Amino acid sequence: MKAMTRRDFLKTAAISGTGLAAMGLVGCSSSGGSTADENQTEFSIMGAQSALSAGYADNTVLNELAENAGITIDWDTMSDSVSEQVSIRIAGNTLPDAFIGVGFSNYDLTEYGEDGTFIDLTPYLTEEYMPNLTKVLEEHPEIRSAITMDDGGIYGLPAAEQMGTAGIGDDEDYSIYTIPQFSMINKAWLDALGLAVPSTLDELHDVLQAFADNDMSASYYGNAAGTTIPLSFGFDQWCWGQNIYYAGFGFTNWTNDVINDLTLLDGEVTFACVQDGYREAVTYFHDWYADGLIDIEVFSQSDTQYMAKCQQGYVGVGTWWYIEELMGDYSDDYVFLPVLAGPDGDYNVTVRTGGGTNSGNLSITSACGNPAALLKFFDQWYDGEIVMQLQYGPIGVYFTEQDEDGMWLSISDEKSQELYGKTAGELKSEYEVYGPKLILSEYYNEYFYMEDRAIERLTDLSEYWMSYVDDPSCFPVDCVYTAEELDVIDRYKADFESAVSEQEALWLQNGGPTDEEWEAYKTKLADTCGLNDLLQVYRDAYSRYVAAE
């Protein structure tokens, strides 16, 4: 008998007239009454915020936009456990008027749009209701296409940050997100030990062993004995994960969405987790773990815990977006690691999708009685000068003055330290608002310049990292799926991801896989976790995506 998917349950519940109320999936408010209320001016919005943010209630930019729209907003935002809390609200039928900054996938949007949790925004994407966004969609029809689901509905407002190497004069436009993982090493420790910056994975192993043997955290920084952590990261995390090291085993295209192991090899969609190179990688890095070179908490630590270790001078090698953000007061002692050759001498860089256009950062729920009023508020976000302040901070704080061309200039690190006691990056994180921010590439010529750190990172990306990438294509995060394909994903995705992640963690910790274990693992993925069915879905979706380009 075929397993019942969530979609099957909803259909059954609709027929029987039971179940939907408990799931919170009908077009009614949390109180169970009708939601239509054209006089509604008070709205509740739930979602995510930066870990450094104090919340949105006192955000001057948001409050001004709300006043312009004639509404008030009760913000319920958090930096931890967002997905869990959102799931609880949806399942318990206690919906806010909107969810913001959650990062719903196209799969989620289609599911929640079909079952009535999210409303279709198509009727409101007109000049009458949203003139700013309508103008953007007319000038960029590819954005409308990216946010339109297979059923024709639009269940979230578009968001994208078109910050790429073309913005610094490159012929090729690689998104700043193309290589999110930059690894860094404590150069001061290397110098103290008389060691060079490693250029291969094998050399890195030897360096990490030297860090451990000499307890560099204690001997160099004076920390407690035994506090040295040669290498740390977050297991399967975006900008602080382990994939940058797996690149040495041939993986150059590894997405950060859909399923963590989805990759492109020679233009064909496949799973990295069943390739021979993947088996070699987990076997290789188990030796590092067994030698005590990898942080034993990589499988469980949060980003906050990880950053705390790095900023106390414990970690020799880490992975993050910027050195300064991760290493804090010790950042001057670190340099970026070069691209490391694998055991076979091959140099690879793990590239990921550039982000594309997504619509998972603002969805209006069936509890909202007056979507038009709320969307009037969000339409202001699609003004270039407004979105720059939502991304970085208000004029007068992050943007301090304009040049002769009217372009806003961002605050320097030195001035930010002088005025606020923090770097410009930390200031940005404090004021940044998560949500449907659409930063078009032309904004960098019309409203504000890229921040210096972005220019520096894009320059490194263009002149150094991308020279090691033969094929930058990745599985796109904004693929659209049919209803039947969503059923397959719904049926298998969670079990597949869990099986792969759990097995990889076990192999890294305990060793393996043997030939027998490897074959049993692949058989399990195929027979019980839907490997072949999932592959077919993703290959079909990718073929349609490529054909539509």
Protein backbone atom coordinates (compact mmCIF):
# COMPACT_ATOMS: atom_id res chain seq x y z
CA MET A 1 0.00 0.00 0.00
CA LYS A 2 1.38 3.42 -0.91
CA ALA A 3 2.26 5.65 2.04
CA MET A 4 -0.09 8.57 2.56
CA THR A 5 1.52 11.94 1.89
CA ARG A 6 0.57 15.17 3.57
CA ARG A 7 -1.28 16.11 0.41
CA ASP A 8 -3.25 12.84 0.54
CA PHE A 9 -4.20 13.58 4.14
CA LEU A 10 -5.50 17.00 3.23
CA LYS A 11 -7.66 15.59 0.46
CA THR A 12 -9.07 12.96 2.79
CA ALA A 13 -9.71 15.53 5.49
CA ALA A 14 -11.48 17.80 3.06
CA ILE A 15 -13.85 14.99 2.10
CA SER A 16 -14.55 13.91 5.65
CA GLY A 17 -14.82 17.45 6.96
CA THR A 18 -12.43 16.69 9.83
CA GLY A 19 -8.76 17.25 10.46
CA LEU A 20 -8.25 20.58 8.76
CA ALA A 21 -9.10 22.68 11.76
CA ALA A 22 -6.51 20.87 13.84
CA MET A 23 -3.89 21.35 11.15
CA GLY A 24 -4.61 25.08 10.80
CA LEU A 25 -4.94 24.74 7.04
CA VAL A 26 -8.26 26.29 6.20
CA GLY A 27 -8.93 29.87 5.20
CA CYS A 28 -9.97 31.08 8.61
CA SER A 29 -8.37 32.96 11.44
CA SER A 30 -7.00 31.38 14.60
CA SER A 31 -10.30 32.11 16.29
CA GLY A 32 -12.14 30.10 13.67
CA GLY A 33 -14.14 32.99 12.19
CA SER A 34 -14.11 34.68 8.81
CA THR A 35 -10.91 36.57 8.05
CA ALA A 36 -12.31 39.19 5.64
CA ASP A 37 -11.90 42.58 7.32
CA GLU A 38 -11.23 45.48 5.02
CA ASN A 39 -10.89 47.78 8.05
CA GLN A 40 -8.03 45.82 9.60
CA THR A 41 -5.03 48.06 10.33
CA GLU A 42 -3.28 46.08 13.08
CA PHE A 43 -1.24 43.10 11.91
CA SER A 44 0.86 40.38 13.51
CA ILE A 45 4.01 39.23 11.73
CA MET A 46 6.16 36.31 12.85
CA GLY A 47 9.58 35.25 11.61
CA ALA A 48 13.34 35.57 11.76
CA GLN A 49 15.82 38.22 12.79
CA SER A 50 19.59 38.49 13.05
CA ALA A 51 21.18 37.17 16.23
CA LEU A 52 22.51 40.69 16.84
CA SER A 53 19.17 42.40 16.25
CA ALA A 54 17.21 43.83 19.17
CA GLY A 55 13.98 43.12 17.31
CA TYR A 56 11.89 45.15 14.92
CA ALA A 57 9.49 46.98 17.26
CA ASP A 58 11.76 50.01 17.58
CA ASN A 59 13.23 49.90 14.07
CA THR A 60 12.89 53.45 12.77
CA VAL A 61 12.74 52.47 9.10
CA LEU A 62 10.01 49.88 9.63
CA ASN A 63 8.00 52.20 11.84
CA GLU A 64 8.10 54.94 9.23
CA LEU A 65 6.98 52.54 6.50
CA ALA A 66 4.13 51.30 8.69
CA GLU A 67 3.03 54.86 9.37
CA ASN A 68 3.11 55.61 5.64
CA ALA A 69 0.84 52.60 5.04
CA GLY A 70 -1.52 53.57 7.85
CA ILE A 71 -1.00 50.36 9.82
CA THR A 72 0.62 49.08 13.00
CA ILE A 73 2.54 45.82 13.33
CA ASP A 74 3.09 43.49 16.25
CA TRP A 75 6.46 41.85 15.54
CA ASP A 76 7.23 38.35 16.83
CA THR A 77 10.74 37.65 15.54
CA MET A 78 13.55 35.44 16.78
CA SER A 79 17.04 34.31 15.79
CA ASP A 80 16.80 30.71 17.02
CA SER A 81 14.26 27.90 16.54
CA VAL A 82 12.39 29.84 13.85
CA SER A 83 11.38 26.84 11.75
CA GLU A 84 10.24 24.93 14.82
CA GLN A 85 8.11 27.78 16.11
CA VAL A 86 6.59 28.43 12.68
CA SER A 87 5.66 24.75 12.36
CA ILE A 88 3.99 24.86 15.77
CA ARG A 89 1.94 27.90 14.80
CA ILE A 90 0.85 26.37 11.51
CA ALA A 91 -0.02 23.00 13.02
CA GLY A 92 -1.86 24.61 15.94
CA ASN A 93 -3.95 26.95 13.77
CA THR A 94 -2.60 30.04 15.49
CA LEU A 95 -1.51 31.82 12.36
CA PRO A 96 -0.12 35.36 12.33
CA ASP A 97 -1.14 37.62 9.49
CA ALA A 98 2.20 36.95 7.79
CA PHE A 99 5.46 35.06 8.10
CA ILE A 100 8.69 36.92 7.39
CA GLY A 101 12.27 35.82 6.81
CA VAL A 102 11.48 32.13 7.31
CA GLY A 103 12.97 30.98 4.00
CA PHE A 104 10.16 28.72 2.80
CA SER A 105 11.19 26.64 -0.20
CA ASN A 106 9.16 26.46 -3.41
CA TYR A 107 8.03 23.07 -2.16
CA ASP A 108 6.72 24.64 1.07
CA LEU A 109 5.04 27.50 -0.78
CA THR A 110 3.21 25.17 -3.13
CA GLU A 111 2.07 22.94 -0.28
CA TYR A 112 0.89 25.77 1.94
CA GLY A 113 -0.63 27.60 -1.00
CA GLU A 114 -2.61 24.59 -2.11
CA ASP A 115 -3.90 23.77 1.36
CA GLY A 116 -4.94 27.36 2.07
CA THR A 117 -2.40 28.34 4.71
CA PHE A 118 -0.92 31.01 2.41
CA ILE A 119 -3.03 33.17 0.14
CA ASP A 120 -2.34 33.68 -3.55
CA LEU A 121 -0.87 37.17 -3.99
CA THR A 122 -1.44 37.33 -7.73
CA PRO A 123 -4.57 39.56 -7.47
CA TYR A 124 -2.56 42.14 -5.52
CA LEU A 125 0.46 42.31 -7.83
CA THR A 126 -1.01 45.21 -9.77
CA GLU A 127 -0.28 48.90 -10.05
CA GLU A 128 -3.31 49.63 -7.86
CA TYR A 129 -2.02 47.72 -4.85
CA MET A 130 1.72 47.39 -5.35
CA PRO A 131 3.01 49.94 -7.88
CA ASN A 132 6.70 49.60 -6.95
CA LEU A 133 6.76 45.83 -7.23
CA THR A 134 4.61 45.87 -10.36
CA LYS A 135 7.16 48.11 -12.06
CA VAL A 136 9.98 45.74 -11.06
CA LEU A 137 8.09 42.72 -12.41
CA GLU A 138 7.41 44.48 -15.70
CA GLU A 139 11.08 45.32 -16.11
CA HIS A 140 12.24 41.89 -14.91
CA PRO A 141 9.76 39.27 -16.13
CA GLU A 142 12.19 36.53 -15.04
CA ILE A 143 11.47 37.49 -11.43
CA ARG A 144 7.73 36.93 -11.86
CA SER A 145 8.48 33.58 -13.48
CA ALA A 146 10.73 32.54 -10.58
CA ILE A 147 8.07 33.23 -7.94
CA THR A 148 5.15 31.65 -9.82
CA MET A 149 4.46 28.10 -8.69
CA ASP A 150 3.36 25.27 -10.97
CA ASP A 151 -0.32 25.87 -10.14
CA GLY A 152 0.00 29.48 -11.30
CA GLY A 153 -0.18 30.92 -7.81
CA ILE A 154 2.27 33.31 -6.15
CA TYR A 155 2.47 32.63 -2.43
CA GLY A 156 5.36 34.87 -1.45
CA LEU A 157 6.93 38.18 -2.43
CA PRO A 158 10.22 38.08 -4.36
CA ALA A 159 13.60 38.44 -2.69
CA ALA A 160 17.09 38.38 -4.17
CA GLU A 161 20.44 40.04 -3.77
CA GLN A 162 22.01 40.52 -7.17
CA MET A 163 25.50 41.17 -5.85
CA GLY A 164 27.93 39.66 -8.29
CA THR A 165 31.34 40.01 -9.86
CA ALA A 166 29.87 41.99 -12.76
CA GLY A 167 29.42 44.76 -10.22
CA ILE A 168 33.20 45.08 -9.94
CA GLY A 169 33.74 45.06 -13.69
CA ASP A 170 34.02 41.35 -14.41
CA ASP A 171 32.85 39.85 -17.69
CA GLU A 172 31.38 36.88 -15.83
CA ASP A 173 28.77 37.57 -13.18
CA TYR A 174 29.29 35.18 -10.27
CA SER A 175 27.08 35.75 -7.26
CA ILE A 176 28.78 36.57 -3.99
CA TYR A 177 27.08 33.44 -2.65
CA THR A 178 28.74 31.16 -5.20
CA ILE A 179 31.34 30.02 -2.68
CA PRO A 180 29.91 30.67 0.78
CA GLN A 181 32.57 28.65 2.63
CA PHE A 182 35.95 30.33 2.98
CA SER A 183 38.26 28.44 5.34
CA MET A 184 40.83 30.25 7.45
CA ILE A 185 43.91 29.23 9.44
CA ASN A 186 45.80 30.74 12.36
CA LYS A 187 48.93 32.09 10.64
CA ALA A 188 50.41 33.22 13.96
CA TRP A 189 50.39 29.62 15.17
CA LEU A 190 52.01 28.49 11.92
CA ASP A 191 54.74 31.10 12.25
CA ALA A 192 55.40 30.15 15.86
CA LEU A 193 55.85 26.53 14.80
CA GLY A 194 57.91 27.37 11.73
CA LEU A 195 55.27 25.90 9.40
CA ALA A 196 54.04 27.09 6.01
CA VAL A 197 50.41 27.58 5.03
CA PRO A 198 49.29 24.14 3.77
CA SER A 199 48.44 23.67 0.10
CA THR A 200 47.00 20.14 0.25
CA LEU A 201 44.63 18.25 2.51
CA ASP A 202 47.47 15.98 3.61
CA GLU A 203 49.56 19.01 4.58
CA LEU A 204 46.58 20.45 6.45
CA HIS A 205 46.30 17.22 8.43
CA ASP A 206 49.94 17.54 9.51
CA VAL A 207 49.47 21.17 10.49
CA LEU A 208 46.38 20.35 12.56
CA GLN A 209 48.34 17.60 14.29
CA ALA A 210 51.07 20.12 15.15
CA PHE A 211 48.43 22.51 16.57
CA ALA A 212 47.14 19.70 18.78
CA ASP A 213 50.54 18.35 19.83
CA ASN A 214 51.69 21.80 20.92
CA ASP A 215 48.32 22.80 22.45
CA MET A 216 48.56 26.15 20.67
CA SER A 217 45.52 27.69 22.34
CA ALA A 218 47.29 27.30 25.68
CA SER A 219 50.91 27.80 24.67
CA TYR A 220 50.35 30.79 22.38
CA TYR A 221 47.31 32.57 23.86
CA GLY A 222 47.62 31.43 27.47
CA ASN A 223 44.25 29.71 27.54
CA ALA A 224 43.65 26.69 29.78
CA ALA A 225 45.57 23.55 28.95
CA GLY A 226 43.84 21.26 26.48
CA THR A 227 41.58 23.94 24.97
CA THR A 228 43.08 23.70 21.47
CA ILE A 229 40.59 22.67 18.78
CA PRO A 230 42.59 22.11 15.58
CA LEU A 231 39.59 22.16 13.19
CA SER A 232 35.95 23.07 13.77
CA PHE A 233 32.89 23.59 11.59
CA GLY A 234 29.15 22.93 11.59
CA PHE A 235 27.97 19.64 10.14
CA ASP A 236 26.06 20.28 6.88
CA GLN A 237 25.86 24.03 7.51
CA TRP A 238 25.80 26.71 4.83
CA CYS A 239 28.80 29.04 5.24
CA TRP A 240 30.45 27.09 8.06
CA GLY A 241 30.12 23.49 6.93
CA GLN A 242 32.52 20.74 5.86
CA ASN A 243 31.84 20.69 2.12
CA ILE A 244 34.81 22.93 1.34
CA TYR A 245 37.08 20.08 2.44
CA TYR A 246 35.12 17.46 0.47
CA ALA A 247 35.92 19.44 -2.68
CA GLY A 248 39.33 17.77 -2.66
CA PHE A 249 37.57 14.53 -3.60
CA GLY A 250 36.07 15.91 -6.81
CA PHE A 251 32.94 17.70 -5.66
CA THR A 252 32.67 21.12 -7.24
CA ASN A 253 28.89 21.53 -7.53
CA TRP A 254 27.02 20.98 -4.30
CA THR A 255 23.77 22.78 -3.64
CA ASN A 256 22.64 24.21 -0.32
CA ASP A 257 18.92 23.62 -0.82
CA VAL A 258 16.44 20.90 -1.74
CA ILE A 259 18.58 18.00 -0.46
CA ASN A 260 22.05 18.76 0.88
CA ASP A 261 23.69 16.11 -1.30
CA LEU A 262 22.13 17.10 -4.61
CA THR A 263 24.86 17.93 -7.10
CA LEU A 264 25.67 18.21 -10.79
CA LEU A 265 28.29 15.92 -12.28
CA ASP A 266 29.03 16.52 -15.96
CA GLY A 267 25.73 18.35 -16.27
CA GLU A 268 23.63 15.53 -14.82
CA VAL A 269 21.68 15.85 -11.59
CA THR A 270 22.76 13.21 -9.11
CA PHE A 271 23.45 12.72 -5.42
CA ALA A 272 26.96 13.25 -4.07
CA CYS A 273 26.21 10.86 -1.24
CA VAL A 274 26.32 7.78 -3.49
CA GLN A 275 29.48 8.67 -5.42
CA ASP A 276 32.77 6.86 -4.83
CA GLY A 277 34.42 10.18 -4.05
CA TYR A 278 32.01 10.72 -1.18
CA ARG A 279 32.91 7.32 0.27
CA GLU A 280 36.58 8.18 0.00
CA ALA A 281 36.00 11.52 1.71
CA VAL A 282 34.19 10.19 4.78
CA THR A 283 36.81 7.46 5.12
CA TYR A 284 39.63 10.00 4.85
CA PHE A 285 38.17 12.47 7.34
CA HIS A 286 37.36 9.74 9.85
CA ASP A 287 41.10 9.45 10.36
CA TRP A 288 41.20 13.15 11.25
CA TYR A 289 38.36 12.67 13.71
CA ALA A 290 40.02 9.59 15.22
CA ASP A 291 43.25 11.57 15.63
CA GLY A 292 41.39 14.24 17.63
CA LEU A 293 41.84 16.90 14.96
CA ILE A 294 38.13 17.60 14.39
CA ASP A 295 36.00 19.21 17.09
CA ILE A 296 33.88 16.48 18.68
CA GLU A 297 30.94 18.92 18.83
CA VAL A 298 30.70 19.58 15.07
CA PHE A 299 27.59 17.40 14.87
CA SER A 300 25.63 19.30 17.50
CA GLN A 301 26.97 22.82 18.03
CA SER A 302 25.06 25.96 17.11
CA ASP A 303 26.62 28.85 15.24
CA THR A 304 26.69 30.82 18.49
CA GLN A 305 28.64 28.08 20.26
CA TYR A 306 30.98 27.74 17.28
CA MET A 307 31.70 31.47 17.12
CA ALA A 308 32.31 31.60 20.88
CA LYS A 309 35.06 28.97 20.60
CA CYS A 310 36.70 30.81 17.72
CA GLN A 311 36.54 34.17 19.49
CA GLN A 312 38.22 32.73 22.58
CA GLY A 313 41.26 31.67 20.59
CA TYR A 314 40.59 27.93 20.74
CA VAL A 315 40.24 27.07 17.03
CA GLY A 316 43.13 26.71 14.59
CA VAL A 317 41.13 26.30 11.38
CA GLY A 318 37.53 27.40 10.83
CA THR A 319 35.09 28.13 8.05
CA TRP A 320 32.92 31.24 7.74
CA TRP A 321 31.94 34.15 5.52
CA TYR A 322 34.51 36.63 6.90
CA ILE A 323 37.52 36.20 9.15
CA GLU A 324 36.62 39.21 11.31
CA GLU A 325 33.13 38.00 12.13
CA LEU A 326 34.29 34.54 13.16
CA MET A 327 37.57 35.22 14.94
CA GLY A 328 36.81 38.53 16.65
CA ASP A 329 39.79 39.98 18.51
CA TYR A 330 42.04 37.24 17.13
CA SER A 331 41.19 37.95 13.46
CA ASP A 332 44.55 39.59 12.67
CA ASP A 333 46.23 36.25 13.36
CA TYR A 334 44.28 34.44 10.60
CA VAL A 335 44.57 34.19 6.83
CA PHE A 336 42.35 32.41 4.34
CA LEU A 337 43.44 28.91 3.41
CA PRO A 338 44.21 28.46 -0.29
CA VAL A 339 42.37 25.94 -2.41
CA LEU A 340 43.65 22.60 -1.12
CA ALA A 341 44.60 19.74 -3.40
CA GLY A 342 43.00 16.40 -2.61
CA PRO A 343 44.84 13.09 -2.16
CA ASP A 344 44.97 12.66 -5.95
CA GLY A 345 46.45 16.10 -6.48
CA ASP A 346 43.28 17.62 -7.92
CA TYR A 347 42.27 21.17 -7.01
CA ASN A 348 38.54 21.79 -6.68
CA VAL A 349 36.28 24.36 -5.10
CA THR A 350 32.78 23.55 -3.92
CA VAL A 351 30.45 26.06 -5.57
CA ARG A 352 26.81 26.40 -4.73
CA THR A 353 23.81 28.08 -6.21
CA GLY A 354 24.05 31.85 -6.31
CA GLY A 355 20.71 32.11 -4.58
CA GLY A 356 18.47 33.05 -7.49
CA THR A 357 15.15 34.72 -6.83
CA ASN A 358 13.06 33.27 -4.04
CA SER A 359 9.64 34.01 -2.62
CA GLY A 360 10.02 32.26 0.72
CA ASN A 361 10.67 35.30 2.90
CA LEU A 362 7.21 36.89 3.05
CA SER A 363 3.94 35.01 2.87
CA ILE A 364 0.52 36.25 3.95
CA THR A 365 -1.66 33.72 5.71
CA SER A 366 -5.35 32.99 5.62
CA ALA A 367 -5.67 34.71 9.01
CA CYS A 368 -5.08 38.11 7.39
CA GLY A 369 -8.32 40.02 6.90
CA ASN A 370 -6.94 42.90 4.87
CA PRO A 371 -4.02 41.76 2.67
CA ALA A 372 -4.19 44.92 0.56
CA ALA A 373 -3.30 47.15 3.53
CA LEU A 374 -0.43 44.92 4.59
CA LEU A 375 0.91 44.68 1.04
CA LYS A 376 0.88 48.48 0.82
CA PHE A 377 3.43 48.38 3.62
CA PHE A 378 5.60 45.80 1.84
CA ASP A 379 5.39 47.51 -1.54
CA GLN A 380 7.60 50.23 -0.10
CA TRP A 381 10.34 47.62 0.31
CA TYR A 382 10.71 47.59 -3.49
CA ASP A 383 12.15 51.08 -3.56
CA GLY A 384 15.93 51.10 -3.98
CA GLU A 385 16.67 53.63 -1.25
CA ILE A 386 14.33 51.87 1.19
CA VAL A 387 15.70 48.37 0.63
CA MET A 388 19.26 49.56 1.15
CA GLN A 389 18.28 50.71 4.64
CA LEU A 390 16.49 47.45 5.39
CA GLN A 391 19.61 45.55 4.33
CA TYR A 392 22.28 47.65 6.04
CA GLY A 393 20.79 50.24 8.36
CA PRO A 394 19.09 53.63 8.28
CA ILE A 395 20.37 56.80 6.72
CA GLY A 396 22.28 58.64 9.42
CA VAL A 397 23.56 55.41 10.96
CA TYR A 398 25.01 53.05 8.37
CA PHE A 399 24.78 55.49 5.44
CA THR A 400 26.44 58.69 6.56
CA GLU A 401 26.71 60.93 3.50
CA GLN A 402 26.24 61.19 -0.25
CA ASP A 403 28.88 61.79 -2.89
CA GLU A 404 28.66 64.25 -5.78
CA ASP A 405 26.61 61.73 -7.78
CA GLY A 406 24.04 61.33 -5.03
CA MET A 407 25.24 57.85 -4.12
CA TRP A 408 25.05 56.95 -0.45
CA LEU A 409 28.35 56.13 1.26
CA SER A 410 28.45 53.48 3.98
CA ILE A 411 30.13 53.97 7.33
CA SER A 412 33.75 52.83 7.66
CA ASP A 413 34.89 50.26 10.19
CA GLU A 414 36.93 52.93 11.94
CA LYS A 415 34.01 55.34 12.24
CA SER A 416 31.67 52.59 13.32
CA GLN A 417 34.08 51.55 16.06
CA GLU A 418 34.41 55.16 17.17
CA LEU A 419 30.67 55.85 17.28
CA TYR A 420 29.16 52.47 18.15
CA GLY A 421 31.99 50.30 19.45
CA LYS A 422 31.50 47.69 16.73
CA THR A 423 32.55 46.97 13.15
CA ALA A 424 30.48 48.08 10.19
CA GLY A 425 29.53 44.43 9.66
CA GLU A 426 28.29 44.10 13.22
CA LEU A 427 26.38 47.36 12.85
CA LYS A 428 24.74 46.00 9.70
CA SER A 429 23.71 42.80 11.49
CA GLU A 430 22.18 44.84 14.30
CA TYR A 431 19.97 46.89 11.97
CA GLU A 432 19.37 44.41 9.15
CA VAL A 433 15.75 43.37 8.61
CA TYR A 434 15.05 39.90 7.24
CA GLY A 435 12.34 39.57 4.62
CA PRO A 436 11.46 40.19 0.95
CA LYS A 437 14.42 42.36 0.04
CA LEU A 438 15.01 42.60 -3.69
CA ILE A 439 18.35 44.26 -4.29
CA LEU A 440 18.79 44.63 -8.02
CA SER A 441 22.23 44.97 -9.56
CA GLU A 442 21.38 48.42 -10.94
CA TYR A 443 20.91 49.74 -7.39
CA TYR A 444 24.70 49.76 -6.99
CA ASN A 445 24.82 52.41 -9.72
CA GLU A 446 21.76 54.37 -8.63
CA TYR A 447 21.51 54.45 -4.84
CA PHE A 448 24.46 53.03 -2.92
CA TYR A 449 27.81 51.40 -3.39
CA MET A 450 28.66 47.87 -2.44
CA GLU A 451 30.22 47.67 0.98
CA ASP A 452 34.01 47.42 0.96
CA ARG A 453 33.91 43.90 2.37
CA ALA A 454 31.65 42.78 -0.50
CA ILE A 455 33.99 44.27 -3.08
CA GLU A 456 36.92 42.55 -1.40
CA ARG A 457 35.13 39.21 -1.32
CA LEU A 458 33.97 39.48 -4.94
CA THR A 459 37.50 40.39 -6.01
CA ASP A 460 38.84 37.29 -4.25
CA LEU A 461 36.07 35.23 -5.81
CA SER A 462 36.82 36.50 -9.30
CA GLU A 463 40.59 36.62 -9.30
CA TYR A 464 41.38 33.57 -7.22
CA TRP A 465 38.70 31.08 -6.25
CA MET A 466 36.77 30.82 -9.51
CA SER A 467 39.95 30.10 -11.45
CA TYR A 468 39.80 26.61 -9.93
CA VAL A 469 36.22 26.01 -11.06
CA ASP A 470 35.77 24.38 -14.45
CA ASP A 471 31.98 24.19 -14.29
CA PRO A 472 30.15 26.73 -12.09
CA SER A 473 26.65 25.38 -12.83
CA CYS A 474 24.61 24.24 -9.85
CA PHE A 475 21.19 22.84 -9.20
CA PRO A 476 19.01 25.98 -8.91
CA VAL A 477 17.09 26.67 -5.73
CA ASP A 478 14.19 28.25 -7.61
CA CYS A 479 13.11 25.19 -9.59
CA VAL A 480 9.34 24.79 -9.74
CA TYR A 481 7.74 21.38 -9.24
CA THR A 482 4.49 19.83 -10.41
CA ALA A 483 1.92 18.56 -7.91
CA GLU A 484 2.89 14.97 -8.64
CA GLU A 485 6.57 15.75 -8.12
CA LEU A 486 5.78 17.40 -4.81
CA ASP A 487 4.05 14.22 -3.72
CA VAL A 488 7.25 12.29 -4.36
CA ILE A 489 9.37 14.85 -2.50
CA ASP A 490 6.87 14.89 0.35
CA ARG A 491 6.98 11.12 0.61
CA TYR A 492 10.75 10.64 0.61
CA LYS A 493 12.72 13.84 1.22
CA ALA A 494 12.84 13.88 5.03
CA ASP A 495 13.72 10.20 5.37
CA PHE A 496 16.37 10.45 2.64
CA GLU A 497 18.06 13.45 4.24
CA SER A 498 18.00 11.89 7.69
CA ALA A 499 19.41 8.59 6.46
CA VAL A 500 22.30 10.27 4.66
CA SER A 501 23.13 12.71 7.44
CA GLU A 502 22.98 10.13 10.21
CA GLN A 503 25.10 7.63 8.30
CA GLU A 504 27.73 10.19 7.36
CA ALA A 505 28.03 11.28 11.00
CA LEU A 506 28.46 7.66 12.07
CA TRP A 507 31.12 6.97 9.44
CA LEU A 508 33.06 10.10 10.35
CA GLN A 509 33.02 9.14 14.00
CA ASN A 510 33.36 5.34 13.84
CA GLY A 511 35.06 4.65 10.51
CA GLY A 512 33.96 2.99 7.33
CA PRO A 513 32.26 2.18 5.18
CA THR A 514 33.33 -1.34 4.34
CA ASP A 515 32.32 -2.73 0.94
CA GLU A 516 29.39 -4.49 2.56
CA GLU A 517 28.27 -1.37 4.46
CA TRP A 518 28.56 0.79 1.34
CA GLU A 519 26.38 -1.51 -0.75
CA ALA A 520 23.83 -1.89 2.06
CA TYR A 521 23.68 1.90 2.42
CA LYS A 522 23.03 2.47 -1.28
CA THR A 523 20.42 -0.29 -1.31
CA LYS A 524 18.61 1.31 1.63
CA LEU A 525 18.54 4.71 -0.09
CA ALA A 526 17.15 3.14 -3.25
CA ASP A 527 14.67 0.69 -1.73
CA THR A 528 13.27 2.60 1.25
CA CYS A 529 14.29 6.25 0.87
CA GLY A 530 13.19 6.91 -2.71
CA LEU A 531 16.60 7.56 -4.26
CA ASN A 532 15.56 6.79 -7.82
CA ASP A 533 12.18 8.50 -7.60
CA LEU A 534 13.74 11.64 -6.14
CA LEU A 535 16.43 11.67 -8.80
CA GLN A 536 13.80 11.52 -11.52
CA VAL A 537 11.89 14.41 -9.98
CA TYR A 538 14.93 16.65 -9.69
CA ARG A 539 16.19 15.75 -13.15
CA ASP A 540 12.82 16.53 -14.72
CA ALA A 541 12.54 19.83 -12.84
CA TYR A 542 16.07 20.78 -13.83
CA SER A 543 15.40 19.96 -17.49
CA ARG A 544 12.38 22.28 -17.47
CA TYR A 545 14.39 25.00 -15.74
CA VAL A 546 17.19 24.83 -18.31
CA ALA A 547 14.72 24.78 -21.21
CA ALA A 548 13.01 27.92 -19.89
CA GLU A 549 16.23 29.93 -19.64
